[in-house]
Amino acid sequence: MANTKNADARVRRTKKMLRAALAKLLEEKGGAADITVKALCEECGINRGTFYLHYRDVNDLLTGIEQELREGFEEELARVPIERLYAGAPAHVLDGVCRFFAQNADICRVFLCREGDSAALVERVKDVVRERALAQWKQMYAAAPHERYEYTFAFIASGCIGMLQLWLEKGMPQPPEEMAALMEAFIAKGAQALAERA
């Protein structure tokens, strides 16, 4: 039993080191195509055999990290009682989401703040949020014309992603809870326009 726990801890530590090394190299080099397994292993001090125990190549590592981020974001979002955003009082519902981005800042900065091979993650995250937001708005603002939901979502999603990008690029000078409160205020105001123009 102890050996299994030790092995699991080693695997987690190795994957964490590879993730940090990949984030660093992506910021330096620009794209996954410019990163070799050799460079990645040298950066984090492991041998290539260890790398190949877990991943086929650099793209496989990148895909795995992207999937972990997406799943982690979806888990955080599932805990969010979105309806509280529109209650008029500070909701504190996005605190966990912003903490998630802060805890994964190195790799989130790469995925959110760079053009290129990771832009698909942003679109997948938008899709997850869109489904939930549109369903909520249709219940709350049934009289609003359908296309207004899409326009409102595009406005809010682009604004929130832009805020997260700037926050990550600046090194997160505000605590996650402060960013969450600011985003919540903009989301609530944006959605309120649906009621005003219905």
C-alpha atoms as a PDB file:
ATOM      1  CA  MET A   1       0.000   0.000   0.000  1.00  0.00           C
ATOM      2  CA  ALA A   2       2.778   2.454   0.950  1.00  0.00           C
ATOM      3  CA  ASN A   3       4.642   1.628  -2.270  1.00  0.00           C
ATOM      4  CA  THR A   4       1.562   2.461  -4.345  1.00  0.00           C
ATOM      5  CA  LYS A   5       1.164   5.806  -2.541  1.00  0.00           C
ATOM      6  CA  ASN A   6       4.842   6.610  -3.099  1.00  0.00           C
ATOM      7  CA  ALA A   7       4.577   5.676  -6.774  1.00  0.00           C
ATOM      8  CA  ASP A   8       1.457   7.832  -7.191  1.00  0.00           C
ATOM      9  CA  ALA A   9       3.180  10.766  -5.490  1.00  0.00           C
ATOM     10  CA  ARG A  10       6.202  10.362  -7.802  1.00  0.00           C
ATOM     11  CA  VAL A  11       3.961  10.315 -10.880  1.00  0.00           C
ATOM     12  CA  ARG A  12       2.122  13.453  -9.716  1.00  0.00           C
ATOM     13  CA  ARG A  13       5.424  15.192  -8.980  1.00  0.00           C
ATOM     14  CA  THR A  14       6.860  14.222 -12.397  1.00  0.00           C
ATOM     15  CA  LYS A  15       3.753  15.435 -14.229  1.00  0.00           C
ATOM     16  CA  LYS A  16       3.796  18.681 -12.258  1.00  0.00           C
ATOM     17  CA  MET A  17       7.456  19.244 -13.179  1.00  0.00           C
ATOM     18  CA  LEU A  18       6.743  18.528 -16.846  1.00  0.00           C
ATOM     19  CA  ARG A  19       3.800  20.908 -16.828  1.00  0.00           C
ATOM     20  CA  ALA A  20       5.879  23.720 -15.277  1.00  0.00           C
ATOM     21  CA  ALA A  21       8.700  23.099 -17.749  1.00  0.00           C
ATOM     22  CA  LEU A  22       6.293  23.119 -20.685  1.00  0.00           C
ATOM     23  CA  ALA A  23       4.713  26.396 -19.527  1.00  0.00           C
ATOM     24  CA  LYS A  24       8.162  28.001 -19.247  1.00  0.00           C
ATOM     25  CA  LEU A  25       9.310  26.767 -22.662  1.00  0.00           C
ATOM     26  CA  LEU A  26       6.051  27.783 -24.346  1.00  0.00           C
ATOM     27  CA  GLU A  27       6.471  31.319 -23.019  1.00  0.00           C
ATOM     28  CA  GLU A  28      10.071  31.402 -24.247  1.00  0.00           C
ATOM     29  CA  LYS A  29       9.691  29.669 -27.600  1.00  0.00           C
ATOM     30  CA  GLY A  30       6.149  30.508 -28.647  1.00  0.00           C
ATOM     31  CA  GLY A  31       4.707  27.180 -29.791  1.00  0.00           C
ATOM     32  CA  ALA A  32       4.678  23.477 -29.010  1.00  0.00           C
ATOM     33  CA  ALA A  33       6.171  22.706 -32.440  1.00  0.00           C
ATOM     34  CA  ASP A  34       9.383  24.436 -31.305  1.00  0.00           C
ATOM     35  CA  ILE A  35       9.779  22.288 -28.181  1.00  0.00           C
ATOM     36  CA  THR A  36      11.490  18.914 -28.192  1.00  0.00           C
ATOM     37  CA  VAL A  37      11.135  16.147 -25.633  1.00  0.00           C
ATOM     38  CA  LYS A  38      14.870  16.491 -25.018  1.00  0.00           C
ATOM     39  CA  ALA A  39      14.584  20.212 -24.210  1.00  0.00           C
ATOM     40  CA  LEU A  40      11.584  19.565 -21.980  1.00  0.00           C
ATOM     41  CA  CYS A  41      13.367  16.827 -20.037  1.00  0.00           C
ATOM     42  CA  GLU A  42      16.500  18.944 -19.647  1.00  0.00           C
ATOM     43  CA  GLU A  43      14.395  21.820 -18.333  1.00  0.00           C
ATOM     44  CA  CYS A  44      12.866  19.747 -15.543  1.00  0.00           C
ATOM     45  CA  GLY A  45      15.802  17.369 -14.916  1.00  0.00           C
ATOM     46  CA  ILE A  46      14.245  14.044 -15.847  1.00  0.00           C
ATOM     47  CA  ASN A  47      15.313  11.497 -18.437  1.00  0.00           C
ATOM     48  CA  ARG A  48      13.438  10.867 -21.660  1.00  0.00           C
ATOM     49  CA  GLY A  49      12.508   7.338 -20.574  1.00  0.00           C
ATOM     50  CA  THR A  50      10.546   8.815 -17.681  1.00  0.00           C
ATOM     51  CA  PHE A  51       8.794  11.210 -20.052  1.00  0.00           C
ATOM     52  CA  TYR A  52       7.767   8.368 -22.376  1.00  0.00           C
ATOM     53  CA  LEU A  53       6.279   6.415 -19.480  1.00  0.00           C
ATOM     54  CA  HIS A  54       3.552   9.063 -19.357  1.00  0.00           C
ATOM     55  CA  TYR A  55       3.322  10.754 -22.780  1.00  0.00           C
ATOM     56  CA  ARG A  56       3.898   9.930 -26.451  1.00  0.00           C
ATOM     57  CA  ASP A  57       5.277  13.369 -27.351  1.00  0.00           C
ATOM     58  CA  VAL A  58       5.045  17.067 -26.465  1.00  0.00           C
ATOM     59  CA  ASN A  59       1.621  17.402 -28.108  1.00  0.00           C
ATOM     60  CA  ASP A  60       0.311  14.515 -26.019  1.00  0.00           C
ATOM     61  CA  LEU A  61       1.504  16.332 -22.869  1.00  0.00           C
ATOM     62  CA  LEU A  62      -0.093  19.569 -24.087  1.00  0.00           C
ATOM     63  CA  THR A  63      -3.383  17.792 -24.811  1.00  0.00           C
ATOM     64  CA  GLY A  64      -3.342  16.170 -21.357  1.00  0.00           C
ATOM     65  CA  ILE A  65      -2.761  19.510 -19.637  1.00  0.00           C
ATOM     66  CA  GLU A  66      -5.490  21.156 -21.713  1.00  0.00           C
ATOM     67  CA  GLN A  67      -7.925  18.404 -20.744  1.00  0.00           C
ATOM     68  CA  GLU A  68      -7.031  18.737 -17.032  1.00  0.00           C
ATOM     69  CA  LEU A  69      -7.586  22.495 -17.205  1.00  0.00           C
ATOM     70  CA  ARG A  70     -10.914  22.111 -18.973  1.00  0.00           C
ATOM     71  CA  GLU A  71     -12.121  19.475 -16.496  1.00  0.00           C
ATOM     72  CA  GLY A  72     -10.949  21.537 -13.516  1.00  0.00           C
ATOM     73  CA  PHE A  73     -12.702  24.623 -14.865  1.00  0.00           C
ATOM     74  CA  GLU A  74     -15.896  22.648 -15.507  1.00  0.00           C
ATOM     75  CA  GLU A  75     -15.809  21.277 -11.943  1.00  0.00           C
ATOM     76  CA  GLU A  76     -15.432  24.784 -10.510  1.00  0.00           C
ATOM     77  CA  LEU A  77     -18.178  26.118 -12.738  1.00  0.00           C
ATOM     78  CA  ALA A  78     -20.540  23.284 -11.742  1.00  0.00           C
ATOM     79  CA  ARG A  79     -20.291  24.498  -8.130  1.00  0.00           C
ATOM     80  CA  VAL A  80     -21.315  28.041  -9.090  1.00  0.00           C
ATOM     81  CA  PRO A  81     -24.934  28.956  -8.306  1.00  0.00           C
ATOM     82  CA  ILE A  82     -25.193  31.277 -11.338  1.00  0.00           C
ATOM     83  CA  GLU A  83     -28.673  32.499 -10.418  1.00  0.00           C
ATOM     84  CA  ARG A  84     -27.136  34.350  -7.446  1.00  0.00           C
ATOM     85  CA  LEU A  85     -25.282  36.603  -9.898  1.00  0.00           C
ATOM     86  CA  TYR A  86     -28.551  38.330 -10.711  1.00  0.00           C
ATOM     87  CA  ALA A  87     -29.859  38.769  -7.155  1.00  0.00           C
ATOM     88  CA  GLY A  88     -28.454  42.296  -6.834  1.00  0.00           C
ATOM     89  CA  ALA A  89     -26.152  41.658  -3.840  1.00  0.00           C
ATOM     90  CA  PRO A  90     -22.479  40.622  -3.956  1.00  0.00           C
ATOM     91  CA  ALA A  91     -22.652  36.936  -4.851  1.00  0.00           C
ATOM     92  CA  HIS A  92     -19.088  35.644  -4.374  1.00  0.00           C
ATOM     93  CA  VAL A  93     -19.944  32.826  -6.759  1.00  0.00           C
ATOM     94  CA  LEU A  94     -16.888  33.208  -9.019  1.00  0.00           C
ATOM     95  CA  ASP A  95     -14.322  33.180  -6.193  1.00  0.00           C
ATOM     96  CA  GLY A  96     -13.516  29.494  -6.775  1.00  0.00           C
ATOM     97  CA  VAL A  97     -13.223  29.990 -10.539  1.00  0.00           C
ATOM     98  CA  CYS A  98     -10.736  32.852 -10.106  1.00  0.00           C
ATOM     99  CA  ARG A  99      -8.802  30.873  -7.482  1.00  0.00           C
ATOM    100  CA  PHE A 100      -8.601  28.006  -9.989  1.00  0.00           C
ATOM    101  CA  PHE A 101      -7.010  30.344 -12.554  1.00  0.00           C
ATOM    102  CA  ALA A 102      -4.631  31.711  -9.905  1.00  0.00           C
ATOM    103  CA  GLN A 103      -3.567  28.212  -8.781  1.00  0.00           C
ATOM    104  CA  ASN A 104      -2.865  27.279 -12.409  1.00  0.00           C
ATOM    105  CA  ALA A 105      -1.514  30.679 -13.450  1.00  0.00           C
ATOM    106  CA  ASP A 106       1.647  29.443 -15.198  1.00  0.00           C
ATOM    107  CA  ILE A 107      -0.181  27.249 -17.678  1.00  0.00           C
ATOM    108  CA  CYS A 108      -3.357  29.386 -17.839  1.00  0.00           C
ATOM    109  CA  ARG A 109      -1.212  32.339 -18.881  1.00  0.00           C
ATOM    110  CA  VAL A 110       0.047  30.234 -21.793  1.00  0.00           C
ATOM    111  CA  PHE A 111      -3.411  29.028 -22.807  1.00  0.00           C
ATOM    112  CA  LEU A 112      -5.308  32.288 -22.371  1.00  0.00           C
ATOM    113  CA  CYS A 113      -2.743  34.947 -23.237  1.00  0.00           C
ATOM    114  CA  ARG A 114      -1.093  33.507 -26.350  1.00  0.00           C
ATOM    115  CA  GLU A 115      -2.345  33.177 -29.882  1.00  0.00           C
ATOM    116  CA  GLY A 116      -1.726  29.830 -31.497  1.00  0.00           C
ATOM    117  CA  ASP A 117      -1.962  26.179 -30.662  1.00  0.00           C
ATOM    118  CA  SER A 118      -4.029  26.559 -27.495  1.00  0.00           C
ATOM    119  CA  ALA A 119      -6.790  28.927 -28.660  1.00  0.00           C
ATOM    120  CA  ALA A 120      -9.160  25.952 -28.908  1.00  0.00           C
ATOM    121  CA  LEU A 121      -9.268  25.703 -25.103  1.00  0.00           C
ATOM    122  CA  VAL A 122     -10.727  29.208 -24.847  1.00  0.00           C
ATOM    123  CA  GLU A 123     -13.483  28.246 -27.290  1.00  0.00           C
ATOM    124  CA  ARG A 124     -14.268  25.040 -25.391  1.00  0.00           C
ATOM    125  CA  VAL A 125     -14.457  26.971 -22.109  1.00  0.00           C
ATOM    126  CA  LYS A 126     -16.830  29.472 -23.764  1.00  0.00           C
ATOM    127  CA  ASP A 127     -19.025  26.594 -24.964  1.00  0.00           C
ATOM    128  CA  VAL A 128     -19.341  25.214 -21.423  1.00  0.00           C
ATOM    129  CA  VAL A 129     -20.280  28.615 -20.009  1.00  0.00           C
ATOM    130  CA  ARG A 130     -22.577  29.504 -22.947  1.00  0.00           C
ATOM    131  CA  GLU A 131     -24.817  26.476 -22.402  1.00  0.00           C
ATOM    132  CA  ARG A 132     -25.404  27.287 -18.775  1.00  0.00           C
ATOM    133  CA  ALA A 133     -25.753  31.058 -19.182  1.00  0.00           C
ATOM    134  CA  LEU A 134     -28.216  30.856 -22.071  1.00  0.00           C
ATOM    135  CA  ALA A 135     -30.402  28.326 -20.248  1.00  0.00           C
ATOM    136  CA  GLN A 136     -30.471  30.605 -17.178  1.00  0.00           C
ATOM    137  CA  TRP A 137     -31.255  33.739 -19.187  1.00  0.00           C
ATOM    138  CA  LYS A 138     -34.054  32.068 -21.142  1.00  0.00           C
ATOM    139  CA  GLN A 139     -35.747  31.259 -17.829  1.00  0.00           C
ATOM    140  CA  MET A 140     -35.227  34.740 -16.428  1.00  0.00           C
ATOM    141  CA  TYR A 141     -35.748  36.884 -19.535  1.00  0.00           C
ATOM    142  CA  ALA A 142     -38.151  34.844 -21.656  1.00  0.00           C
ATOM    143  CA  ALA A 143     -39.449  37.928 -23.466  1.00  0.00           C
ATOM    144  CA  ALA A 144     -36.039  38.863 -24.894  1.00  0.00           C
ATOM    145  CA  PRO A 145     -35.524  38.093 -28.614  1.00  0.00           C
ATOM    146  CA  HIS A 146     -33.366  34.968 -29.061  1.00  0.00           C
ATOM    147  CA  GLU A 147     -30.448  36.712 -30.832  1.00  0.00           C
ATOM    148  CA  ARG A 148     -30.004  39.039 -27.833  1.00  0.00           C
ATOM    149  CA  TYR A 149     -28.934  36.064 -25.698  1.00  0.00           C
ATOM    150  CA  GLU A 150     -26.103  35.312 -28.115  1.00  0.00           C
ATOM    151  CA  TYR A 151     -24.995  38.951 -28.388  1.00  0.00           C
ATOM    152  CA  THR A 152     -25.098  39.388 -24.637  1.00  0.00           C
ATOM    153  CA  PHE A 153     -23.101  36.215 -24.098  1.00  0.00           C
ATOM    154  CA  ALA A 154     -20.476  37.236 -26.695  1.00  0.00           C
ATOM    155  CA  PHE A 155     -20.070  40.605 -24.964  1.00  0.00           C
ATOM    156  CA  ILE A 156     -19.798  39.162 -21.451  1.00  0.00           C
ATOM    157  CA  ALA A 157     -17.551  36.210 -22.401  1.00  0.00           C
ATOM    158  CA  SER A 158     -15.104  38.392 -24.339  1.00  0.00           C
ATOM    159  CA  GLY A 159     -14.994  40.873 -21.459  1.00  0.00           C
ATOM    160  CA  CYS A 160     -14.382  38.209 -18.799  1.00  0.00           C
ATOM    161  CA  ILE A 161     -11.679  36.496 -20.858  1.00  0.00           C
ATOM    162  CA  GLY A 162     -10.049  39.876 -21.521  1.00  0.00           C
ATOM    163  CA  MET A 163     -10.077  40.642 -17.794  1.00  0.00           C
ATOM    164  CA  LEU A 164      -8.540  37.258 -16.941  1.00  0.00           C
ATOM    165  CA  GLN A 165      -5.865  37.699 -19.615  1.00  0.00           C
ATOM    166  CA  LEU A 166      -4.871  41.122 -18.339  1.00  0.00           C
ATOM    167  CA  TRP A 167      -4.895  39.915 -14.726  1.00  0.00           C
ATOM    168  CA  LEU A 168      -2.655  36.938 -15.534  1.00  0.00           C
ATOM    169  CA  GLU A 169      -0.305  39.001 -17.721  1.00  0.00           C
ATOM    170  CA  LYS A 170       0.131  41.559 -14.911  1.00  0.00           C
ATOM    171  CA  GLY A 171       1.022  38.800 -12.447  1.00  0.00           C
ATOM    172  CA  MET A 172      -2.345  38.804 -10.623  1.00  0.00           C
ATOM    173  CA  PRO A 173      -1.902  42.024  -8.601  1.00  0.00           C
ATOM    174  CA  GLN A 174      -5.436  41.720  -7.181  1.00  0.00           C
ATOM    175  CA  PRO A 175      -6.528  38.707  -5.118  1.00  0.00           C
ATOM    176  CA  PRO A 176      -8.824  36.206  -6.905  1.00  0.00           C
ATOM    177  CA  GLU A 177     -11.822  37.304  -4.827  1.00  0.00           C
ATOM    178  CA  GLU A 178     -11.442  40.901  -6.012  1.00  0.00           C
ATOM    179  CA  MET A 179     -11.296  39.815  -9.659  1.00  0.00           C
ATOM    180  CA  ALA A 180     -14.326  37.590  -9.105  1.00  0.00           C
ATOM    181  CA  ALA A 181     -16.335  40.486  -7.647  1.00  0.00           C
ATOM    182  CA  LEU A 182     -15.427  42.722 -10.586  1.00  0.00           C
ATOM    183  CA  MET A 183     -16.421  40.073 -13.129  1.00  0.00           C
ATOM    184  CA  GLU A 184     -19.651  39.337 -11.271  1.00  0.00           C
ATOM    185  CA  ALA A 185     -20.613  43.023 -11.423  1.00  0.00           C
ATOM    186  CA  PHE A 186     -20.054  43.156 -15.194  1.00  0.00           C
ATOM    187  CA  ILE A 187     -21.901  39.872 -15.799  1.00  0.00           C
ATOM    188  CA  ALA A 188     -24.911  41.020 -13.756  1.00  0.00           C
ATOM    189  CA  LYS A 189     -25.065  44.394 -15.540  1.00  0.00           C
ATOM    190  CA  GLY A 190     -24.688  42.778 -18.973  1.00  0.00           C
ATOM    191  CA  ALA A 191     -27.466  40.277 -18.332  1.00  0.00           C
ATOM    192  CA  GLN A 192     -29.683  43.016 -16.890  1.00  0.00           C
ATOM    193  CA  ALA A 193     -29.729  44.615 -20.356  1.00  0.00           C
ATOM    194  CA  LEU A 194     -31.757  41.599 -21.520  1.00  0.00           C
ATOM    195  CA  ALA A 195     -34.552  42.531 -19.113  1.00  0.00           C
ATOM    196  CA  GLU A 196     -34.403  46.227 -19.954  1.00  0.00           C
ATOM    197  CA  ARG A 197     -34.659  45.652 -23.710  1.00  0.00           C
ATOM    198  CA  ALA A 198     -37.079  42.708 -23.727  1.00  0.00           C
END
